[in-house]
């Protein structure tokens, strides 16, 4: 069985993680370093599903996507503060 990608894998490869709310469509680029500091470097990215809550509508129905490179995702820049 293949090893699941971890937060450390994203950091090492310069990838970003974006949370997409399935209820309201809000997109949020997550601070991967902050997540790793809180959850541990070896935390599997897949386990973020169901743990995140949309800051706009408060739904927990979120999807997590990994984006290669450090570009902007869906018009949103990296953010660490609540909006």
PDB file of N, CA and C in Angstrom:
ATOM      1  N   UNK A   1       0.844  -1.184   0.000  1.00  0.00           N
ATOM      2  CA  UNK A   1       0.000   0.000   0.000  1.00  0.00           C
ATOM      3  C   UNK A   1       0.886   1.243   0.000  1.00  0.00           C
ATOM      4  N   UNK A   2       0.545   2.199  -0.810  1.00  0.00           N
ATOM      5  CA  UNK A   2       1.336   3.426  -0.932  1.00  0.00           C
ATOM      6  C   UNK A   2       1.165   4.300   0.309  1.00  0.00           C
ATOM      7  N   UNK A   3       2.213   5.003   0.649  1.00  0.00           N
ATOM      8  CA  UNK A   3       2.188   5.924   1.787  1.00  0.00           C
ATOM      9  C   UNK A   3       1.394   7.164   1.417  1.00  0.00           C
ATOM     10  N   UNK A   4       0.561   7.627   2.341  1.00  0.00           N
ATOM     11  CA  UNK A   4      -0.233   8.832   2.096  1.00  0.00           C
ATOM     12  C   UNK A   4       0.658  10.070   2.178  1.00  0.00           C
ATOM     13  N   UNK A   5       0.442  11.063   1.291  1.00  0.00           N
ATOM     14  CA  UNK A   5       1.218  12.306   1.360  1.00  0.00           C
ATOM     15  C   UNK A   5       0.961  13.028   2.686  1.00  0.00           C
ATOM     16  N   UNK A   6       2.016  13.597   3.238  1.00  0.00           N
ATOM     17  CA  UNK A   6       1.935  14.287   4.523  1.00  0.00           C
ATOM     18  C   UNK A   6       2.115  15.791   4.345  1.00  0.00           C
ATOM     19  N   UNK A   7       1.880  16.518   5.425  1.00  0.00           N
ATOM     20  CA  UNK A   7       2.110  17.968   5.413  1.00  0.00           C
ATOM     21  C   UNK A   7       3.570  18.262   5.094  1.00  0.00           C
ATOM     22  N   UNK A   8       4.479  17.462   5.648  1.00  0.00           N
ATOM     23  CA  UNK A   8       5.904  17.661   5.370  1.00  0.00           C
ATOM     24  C   UNK A   8       6.221  17.469   3.887  1.00  0.00           C
ATOM     25  N   UNK A   9       5.543  16.532   3.239  1.00  0.00           N
ATOM     26  CA  UNK A   9       5.737  16.330   1.796  1.00  0.00           C
ATOM     27  C   UNK A   9       5.370  17.596   1.026  1.00  0.00           C
ATOM     28  N   UNK A  10       4.272  18.236   1.421  1.00  0.00           N
ATOM     29  CA  UNK A  10       3.847  19.482   0.764  1.00  0.00           C
ATOM     30  C   UNK A  10       4.883  20.581   0.971  1.00  0.00           C
ATOM     31  N   UNK A  11       5.371  20.705   2.193  1.00  0.00           N
ATOM     32  CA  UNK A  11       6.368  21.732   2.491  1.00  0.00           C
ATOM     33  C   UNK A  11       7.634  21.482   1.682  1.00  0.00           C
ATOM     34  N   UNK A  12       8.112  20.247   1.674  1.00  0.00           N
ATOM     35  CA  UNK A  12       9.351  19.896   0.979  1.00  0.00           C
ATOM     36  C   UNK A  12       9.255  20.134  -0.526  1.00  0.00           C
ATOM     37  N   UNK A  13       8.065  19.951  -1.083  1.00  0.00           N
ATOM     38  CA  UNK A  13       7.889  20.093  -2.530  1.00  0.00           C
ATOM     39  C   UNK A  13       7.340  21.452  -2.944  1.00  0.00           C
ATOM     40  N   UNK A  14       7.122  22.344  -1.980  1.00  0.00           N
ATOM     41  CA  UNK A  14       6.614  23.678  -2.288  1.00  0.00           C
ATOM     42  C   UNK A  14       5.169  23.691  -2.746  1.00  0.00           C
ATOM     43  N   UNK A  15       4.387  22.694  -2.307  1.00  0.00           N
ATOM     44  CA  UNK A  15       2.980  22.621  -2.687  1.00  0.00           C
ATOM     45  C   UNK A  15       2.120  23.378  -1.691  1.00  0.00           C
ATOM     46  N   UNK A  16       0.952  23.793  -2.147  1.00  0.00           N
ATOM     47  CA  UNK A  16      -0.014  24.471  -1.294  1.00  0.00           C
ATOM     48  C   UNK A  16      -1.223  23.556  -1.115  1.00  0.00           C
ATOM     49  N   UNK A  17      -1.960  23.796  -0.046  1.00  0.00           N
ATOM     50  CA  UNK A  17      -3.207  23.068   0.204  1.00  0.00           C
ATOM     51  C   UNK A  17      -4.331  24.085   0.253  1.00  0.00           C
ATOM     52  N   UNK A  18      -5.395  23.809  -0.490  1.00  0.00           N
ATOM     53  CA  UNK A  18      -6.563  24.685  -0.475  1.00  0.00           C
ATOM     54  C   UNK A  18      -7.765  23.889   0.003  1.00  0.00           C
ATOM     55  N   UNK A  19      -8.565  24.517   0.856  1.00  0.00           N
ATOM     56  CA  UNK A  19      -9.810  23.918   1.327  1.00  0.00           C
ATOM     57  C   UNK A  19     -10.953  24.541   0.535  1.00  0.00           C
ATOM     58  N   UNK A  20     -11.811  23.700  -0.012  1.00  0.00           N
ATOM     59  CA  UNK A  20     -12.952  24.135  -0.808  1.00  0.00           C
ATOM     60  C   UNK A  20     -14.223  23.718  -0.081  1.00  0.00           C
ATOM     61  N   UNK A  21     -15.077  24.673   0.250  1.00  0.00           N
ATOM     62  CA  UNK A  21     -16.328  24.378   0.940  1.00  0.00           C
ATOM     63  C   UNK A  21     -17.354  23.853  -0.065  1.00  0.00           C
ATOM     64  N   UNK A  22     -17.920  22.712   0.235  1.00  0.00           N
ATOM     65  CA  UNK A  22     -18.920  22.116  -0.645  1.00  0.00           C
ATOM     66  C   UNK A  22     -20.287  22.756  -0.457  1.00  0.00           C
ATOM     67  N   UNK A  23     -20.483  23.507   0.609  1.00  0.00           N
ATOM     68  CA  UNK A  23     -21.769  24.170   0.866  1.00  0.00           C
ATOM     69  C   UNK A  23     -21.869  25.515   0.144  1.00  0.00           C
ATOM     70  N   UNK A  24     -20.884  26.393   0.364  1.00  0.00           N
ATOM     71  CA  UNK A  24     -20.985  27.765  -0.163  1.00  0.00           C
ATOM     72  C   UNK A  24     -19.971  28.082  -1.255  1.00  0.00           C
ATOM     73  N   UNK A  25     -19.033  27.170  -1.525  1.00  0.00           N
ATOM     74  CA  UNK A  25     -18.062  27.383  -2.588  1.00  0.00           C
ATOM     75  C   UNK A  25     -16.847  28.210  -2.189  1.00  0.00           C
ATOM     76  N   UNK A  26     -16.765  28.621  -0.937  1.00  0.00           N
ATOM     77  CA  UNK A  26     -15.622  29.416  -0.479  1.00  0.00           C
ATOM     78  C   UNK A  26     -14.342  28.597  -0.596  1.00  0.00           C
ATOM     79  N   UNK A  27     -13.255  29.252  -1.012  1.00  0.00           N
ATOM     80  CA  UNK A  27     -11.950  28.609  -1.148  1.00  0.00           C
ATOM     81  C   UNK A  27     -10.976  29.317  -0.222  1.00  0.00           C
ATOM     82  N   UNK A  28     -10.159  28.535   0.463  1.00  0.00           N
ATOM     83  CA  UNK A  28      -9.172  29.105   1.378  1.00  0.00           C
ATOM     84  C   UNK A  28      -7.860  28.374   1.212  1.00  0.00           C
ATOM     85  N   UNK A  29      -6.794  29.112   0.925  1.00  0.00           N
ATOM     86  CA  UNK A  29      -5.457  28.532   0.876  1.00  0.00           C
ATOM     87  C   UNK A  29      -4.967  28.452   2.317  1.00  0.00           C
ATOM     88  N   UNK A  30      -4.540  27.270   2.715  1.00  0.00           N
ATOM     89  CA  UNK A  30      -4.127  27.040   4.093  1.00  0.00           C
ATOM     90  C   UNK A  30      -2.630  27.266   4.264  1.00  0.00           C
ATOM     91  N   UNK A  31      -2.238  27.667   5.444  1.00  0.00           N
ATOM     92  CA  UNK A  31      -0.826  27.825   5.767  1.00  0.00           C
ATOM     93  C   UNK A  31      -0.319  26.447   6.191  1.00  0.00           C
ATOM     94  N   UNK A  32       0.410  25.792   5.287  1.00  0.00           N
ATOM     95  CA  UNK A  32       0.839  24.411   5.517  1.00  0.00           C
ATOM     96  C   UNK A  32       1.804  24.329   6.699  1.00  0.00           C
ATOM     97  N   UNK A  33       2.685  25.306   6.844  1.00  0.00           N
ATOM     98  CA  UNK A  33       3.638  25.296   7.960  1.00  0.00           C
ATOM     99  C   UNK A  33       2.900  25.384   9.296  1.00  0.00           C
ATOM    100  N   UNK A  34       1.892  26.233   9.395  1.00  0.00           N
ATOM    101  CA  UNK A  34       1.102  26.331  10.634  1.00  0.00           C
ATOM    102  C   UNK A  34       0.385  25.014  10.934  1.00  0.00           C
ATOM    103  N   UNK A  35      -0.165  24.384   9.890  1.00  0.00           N
ATOM    104  CA  UNK A  35      -0.825  23.095  10.091  1.00  0.00           C
ATOM    105  C   UNK A  35       0.162  22.050  10.606  1.00  0.00           C
ATOM    106  N   UNK A  36       1.356  22.018  10.010  1.00  0.00           N
ATOM    107  CA  UNK A  36       2.378  21.046  10.428  1.00  0.00           C
ATOM    108  C   UNK A  36       2.828  21.318  11.861  1.00  0.00           C
ATOM    109  N   UNK A  37       2.945  22.593  12.228  1.00  0.00           N
ATOM    110  CA  UNK A  37       3.328  22.930  13.607  1.00  0.00           C
ATOM    111  C   UNK A  37       2.268  22.455  14.601  1.00  0.00           C
ATOM    112  N   UNK A  38       1.005  22.536  14.194  1.00  0.00           N
ATOM    113  CA  UNK A  38      -0.107  22.165  15.077  1.00  0.00           C
ATOM    114  C   UNK A  38      -0.365  20.650  15.078  1.00  0.00           C
ATOM    115  N   UNK A  39      -0.337  20.029  13.896  1.00  0.00           N
ATOM    116  CA  UNK A  39      -0.736  18.629  13.761  1.00  0.00           C
ATOM    117  C   UNK A  39       0.432  17.651  13.637  1.00  0.00           C
ATOM    118  N   UNK A  40       1.615  18.178  13.347  1.00  0.00           N
ATOM    119  CA  UNK A  40       2.793  17.330  13.159  1.00  0.00           C
ATOM    120  C   UNK A  40       3.154  17.213  11.692  1.00  0.00           C
ATOM    121  N   UNK A  41       4.450  17.177  11.418  1.00  0.00           N
ATOM    122  CA  UNK A  41       4.939  17.106  10.038  1.00  0.00           C
ATOM    123  C   UNK A  41       4.443  15.866   9.305  1.00  0.00           C
ATOM    124  N   UNK A  42       4.270  14.768  10.004  1.00  0.00           N
ATOM    125  CA  UNK A  42       3.884  13.504   9.368  1.00  0.00           C
ATOM    126  C   UNK A  42       2.377  13.293   9.300  1.00  0.00           C
ATOM    127  N   UNK A  43       1.605  14.359   9.558  1.00  0.00           N
ATOM    128  CA  UNK A  43       0.152  14.266   9.504  1.00  0.00           C
ATOM    129  C   UNK A  43      -0.286  14.060   8.053  1.00  0.00           C
ATOM    130  N   UNK A  44      -1.051  12.992   7.751  1.00  0.00           N
ATOM    131  CA  UNK A  44      -1.510  12.744   6.375  1.00  0.00           C
ATOM    132  C   UNK A  44      -2.517  13.815   5.927  1.00  0.00           C
ATOM    133  N   UNK A  45      -2.302  14.350   4.747  1.00  0.00           N
ATOM    134  CA  UNK A  45      -3.171  15.404   4.215  1.00  0.00           C
ATOM    135  C   UNK A  45      -4.615  14.928   4.131  1.00  0.00           C
ATOM    136  N   UNK A  46      -4.815  13.694   3.760  1.00  0.00           N
ATOM    137  CA  UNK A  46      -6.167  13.140   3.626  1.00  0.00           C
ATOM    138  C   UNK A  46      -6.957  13.252   4.932  1.00  0.00           C
ATOM    139  N   UNK A  47      -6.265  13.210   6.071  1.00  0.00           N
ATOM    140  CA  UNK A  47      -6.950  13.283   7.371  1.00  0.00           C
ATOM    141  C   UNK A  47      -7.462  14.684   7.692  1.00  0.00           C
ATOM    142  N   UNK A  48      -7.133  15.685   6.867  1.00  0.00           N
ATOM    143  CA  UNK A  48      -7.678  17.031   7.056  1.00  0.00           C
ATOM    144  C   UNK A  48      -9.168  17.070   6.738  1.00  0.00           C
ATOM    145  N   UNK A  49      -9.605  16.160   5.863  1.00  0.00           N
ATOM    146  CA  UNK A  49     -11.012  16.118   5.474  1.00  0.00           C
ATOM    147  C   UNK A  49     -11.852  15.809   6.709  1.00  0.00           C
ATOM    148  N   UNK A  50     -12.856  16.633   6.951  1.00  0.00           N
ATOM    149  CA  UNK A  50     -13.719  16.463   8.100  1.00  0.00           C
ATOM    150  C   UNK A  50     -13.235  17.189   9.344  1.00  0.00           C
ATOM    151  N   UNK A  51     -11.997  17.656   9.335  1.00  0.00           N
ATOM    152  CA  UNK A  51     -11.452  18.397  10.476  1.00  0.00           C
ATOM    153  C   UNK A  51     -11.544  19.902  10.263  1.00  0.00           C
ATOM    154  N   UNK A  52     -11.713  20.306   9.011  1.00  0.00           N
ATOM    155  CA  UNK A  52     -11.740  21.731   8.680  1.00  0.00           C
ATOM    156  C   UNK A  52     -13.164  22.256   8.689  1.00  0.00           C
ATOM    157  N   UNK A  53     -13.306  23.534   8.989  1.00  0.00           N
ATOM    158  CA  UNK A  53     -14.617  24.177   8.986  1.00  0.00           C
ATOM    159  C   UNK A  53     -14.505  25.447   8.155  1.00  0.00           C
ATOM    160  N   UNK A  54     -15.469  25.677   7.269  1.00  0.00           N
ATOM    161  CA  UNK A  54     -15.492  26.872   6.433  1.00  0.00           C
ATOM    162  C   UNK A  54     -15.628  28.113   7.323  1.00  0.00           C
ATOM    163  N   UNK A  55     -14.767  29.100   7.084  1.00  0.00           N
ATOM    164  CA  UNK A  55     -14.831  30.323   7.893  1.00  0.00           C
ATOM    165  C   UNK A  55     -16.004  31.201   7.479  1.00  0.00           C
ATOM    166  N   UNK A  56     -16.579  30.932   6.315  1.00  0.00           N
ATOM    167  CA  UNK A  56     -17.695  31.743   5.824  1.00  0.00           C
ATOM    168  C   UNK A  56     -19.054  31.222   6.295  1.00  0.00           C
ATOM    169  N   UNK A  57     -19.310  29.920   6.090  1.00  0.00           N
ATOM    170  CA  UNK A  57     -20.636  29.375   6.432  1.00  0.00           C
ATOM    171  C   UNK A  57     -20.594  28.368   7.587  1.00  0.00           C
ATOM    172  N   UNK A  58     -19.392  28.051   8.085  1.00  0.00           N
ATOM    173  CA  UNK A  58     -19.173  27.156   9.229  1.00  0.00           C
ATOM    174  C   UNK A  58     -19.413  25.673   8.926  1.00  0.00           C
ATOM    175  N   UNK A  59     -19.628  25.319   7.661  1.00  0.00           N
ATOM    176  CA  UNK A  59     -19.835  23.926   7.287  1.00  0.00           C
ATOM    177  C   UNK A  59     -18.540  23.137   7.440  1.00  0.00           C
ATOM    178  N   UNK A  60     -18.676  21.858   7.759  1.00  0.00           N
ATOM    179  CA  UNK A  60     -17.521  20.961   7.806  1.00  0.00           C
ATOM    180  C   UNK A  60     -17.429  20.124   6.525  1.00  0.00           C
ATOM    181  N   UNK A  61     -18.304  20.400   5.584  1.00  0.00           N
ATOM    182  CA  UNK A  61     -18.269  19.687   4.299  1.00  0.00           C
ATOM    183  C   UNK A  61     -17.235  20.358   3.394  1.00  0.00           C
ATOM    184  N   UNK A  62     -15.983  20.042   3.631  1.00  0.00           N
ATOM    185  CA  UNK A  62     -14.900  20.651   2.860  1.00  0.00           C
ATOM    186  C   UNK A  62     -14.124  19.587   2.103  1.00  0.00           C
ATOM    187  N   UNK A  63     -13.566  20.017   1.020  1.00  0.00           N
ATOM    188  CA  UNK A  63     -12.712  19.182   0.181  1.00  0.00           C
ATOM    189  C   UNK A  63     -11.321  19.790   0.258  1.00  0.00           C
ATOM    190  N   UNK A  64     -10.300  18.948   0.263  1.00  0.00           N
ATOM    191  CA  UNK A  64      -8.922  19.418   0.345  1.00  0.00           C
ATOM    192  C   UNK A  64      -8.225  19.109  -0.969  1.00  0.00           C
ATOM    193  N   UNK A  65      -7.557  20.115  -1.524  1.00  0.00           N
ATOM    194  CA  UNK A  65      -6.828  19.928  -2.790  1.00  0.00           C
ATOM    195  C   UNK A  65      -5.398  20.388  -2.632  1.00  0.00           C
ATOM    196  N   UNK A  66      -4.481  19.614  -3.197  1.00  0.00           N
ATOM    197  CA  UNK A  66      -3.063  19.973  -3.203  1.00  0.00           C
ATOM    198  C   UNK A  66      -2.770  20.662  -4.526  1.00  0.00           C
ATOM    199  N   UNK A  67      -2.096  21.813  -4.448  1.00  0.00           N
ATOM    200  CA  UNK A  67      -1.721  22.564  -5.642  1.00  0.00           C
ATOM    201  C   UNK A  67      -0.207  22.639  -5.716  1.00  0.00           C
ATOM    202  N   UNK A  68       0.343  22.232  -6.855  1.00  0.00           N
ATOM    203  CA  UNK A  68       1.788  22.264  -7.028  1.00  0.00           C
ATOM    204  C   UNK A  68       2.269  23.687  -7.235  1.00  0.00           C
ATOM    205  N   UNK A  69       3.429  23.996  -6.706  1.00  0.00           N
ATOM    206  CA  UNK A  69       4.011  25.323  -6.862  1.00  0.00           C
ATOM    207  C   UNK A  69       3.424  26.306  -5.881  1.00  0.00           C
ATOM    208  N   UNK A  70       3.907  27.538  -5.940  1.00  0.00           N
ATOM    209  CA  UNK A  70       3.485  28.548  -4.976  1.00  0.00           C
ATOM    210  C   UNK A  70       2.587  29.602  -5.561  1.00  0.00           C
ATOM    211  N   UNK A  71       1.884  29.293  -6.643  1.00  0.00           N
ATOM    212  CA  UNK A  71       1.029  30.278  -7.298  1.00  0.00           C
ATOM    213  C   UNK A  71      -0.261  30.531  -6.542  1.00  0.00           C
ATOM    214  N   UNK A  72      -1.057  31.434  -7.039  1.00  0.00           N
ATOM    215  CA  UNK A  72      -2.338  31.779  -6.433  1.00  0.00           C
ATOM    216  C   UNK A  72      -3.381  30.767  -6.881  1.00  0.00           C
ATOM    217  N   UNK A  73      -4.242  30.349  -5.976  1.00  0.00           N
ATOM    218  CA  UNK A  73      -5.287  29.366  -6.255  1.00  0.00           C
ATOM    219  C   UNK A  73      -6.632  30.077  -6.307  1.00  0.00           C
ATOM    220  N   UNK A  74      -7.313  29.978  -7.412  1.00  0.00           N
ATOM    221  CA  UNK A  74      -8.683  30.492  -7.566  1.00  0.00           C
ATOM    222  C   UNK A  74      -8.823  31.935  -7.098  1.00  0.00           C
ATOM    223  N   UNK A  75      -7.807  32.736  -7.368  1.00  0.00           N
ATOM    224  CA  UNK A  75      -7.877  34.144  -7.018  1.00  0.00           C
ATOM    225  C   UNK A  75      -7.647  34.442  -5.557  1.00  0.00           C
ATOM    226  N   UNK A  76      -7.244  33.444  -4.787  1.00  0.00           N
ATOM    227  CA  UNK A  76      -7.008  33.620  -3.355  1.00  0.00           C
ATOM    228  C   UNK A  76      -5.529  33.465  -3.066  1.00  0.00           C
ATOM    229  N   UNK A  77      -4.979  34.353  -2.301  1.00  0.00           N
ATOM    230  CA  UNK A  77      -3.602  34.230  -1.866  1.00  0.00           C
ATOM    231  C   UNK A  77      -3.554  33.507  -0.534  1.00  0.00           C
ATOM    232  N   UNK A  78      -2.364  33.065  -0.128  1.00  0.00           N
ATOM    233  CA  UNK A  78      -2.232  32.411   1.176  1.00  0.00           C
ATOM    234  C   UNK A  78      -2.708  33.320   2.295  1.00  0.00           C
ATOM    235  N   UNK A  79      -3.401  32.752   3.254  1.00  0.00           N
ATOM    236  CA  UNK A  79      -3.926  33.536   4.349  1.00  0.00           C
ATOM    237  C   UNK A  79      -3.796  32.763   5.649  1.00  0.00           C
ATOM    238  N   UNK A  80      -3.520  33.463   6.731  1.00  0.00           N
ATOM    239  CA  UNK A  80      -3.456  32.821   8.025  1.00  0.00           C
ATOM    240  C   UNK A  80      -4.454  33.425   8.987  1.00  0.00           C
ATOM    241  N   UNK A  81      -5.233  34.393   8.534  1.00  0.00           N
ATOM    242  CA  UNK A  81      -6.189  35.034   9.433  1.00  0.00           C
ATOM    243  C   UNK A  81      -7.616  34.702   9.013  1.00  0.00           C
ATOM    244  N   UNK A  82      -8.532  34.805   9.937  1.00  0.00           N
ATOM    245  CA  UNK A  82      -9.943  34.555   9.668  1.00  0.00           C
ATOM    246  C   UNK A  82     -10.523  35.701   8.859  1.00  0.00           C
ATOM    247  N   UNK A  83     -11.381  35.372   7.875  1.00  0.00           N
ATOM    248  CA  UNK A  83     -12.076  36.403   7.090  1.00  0.00           C
ATOM    249  C   UNK A  83     -13.559  36.208   7.178  1.00  0.00           C
TER     250      UNK A  83
END
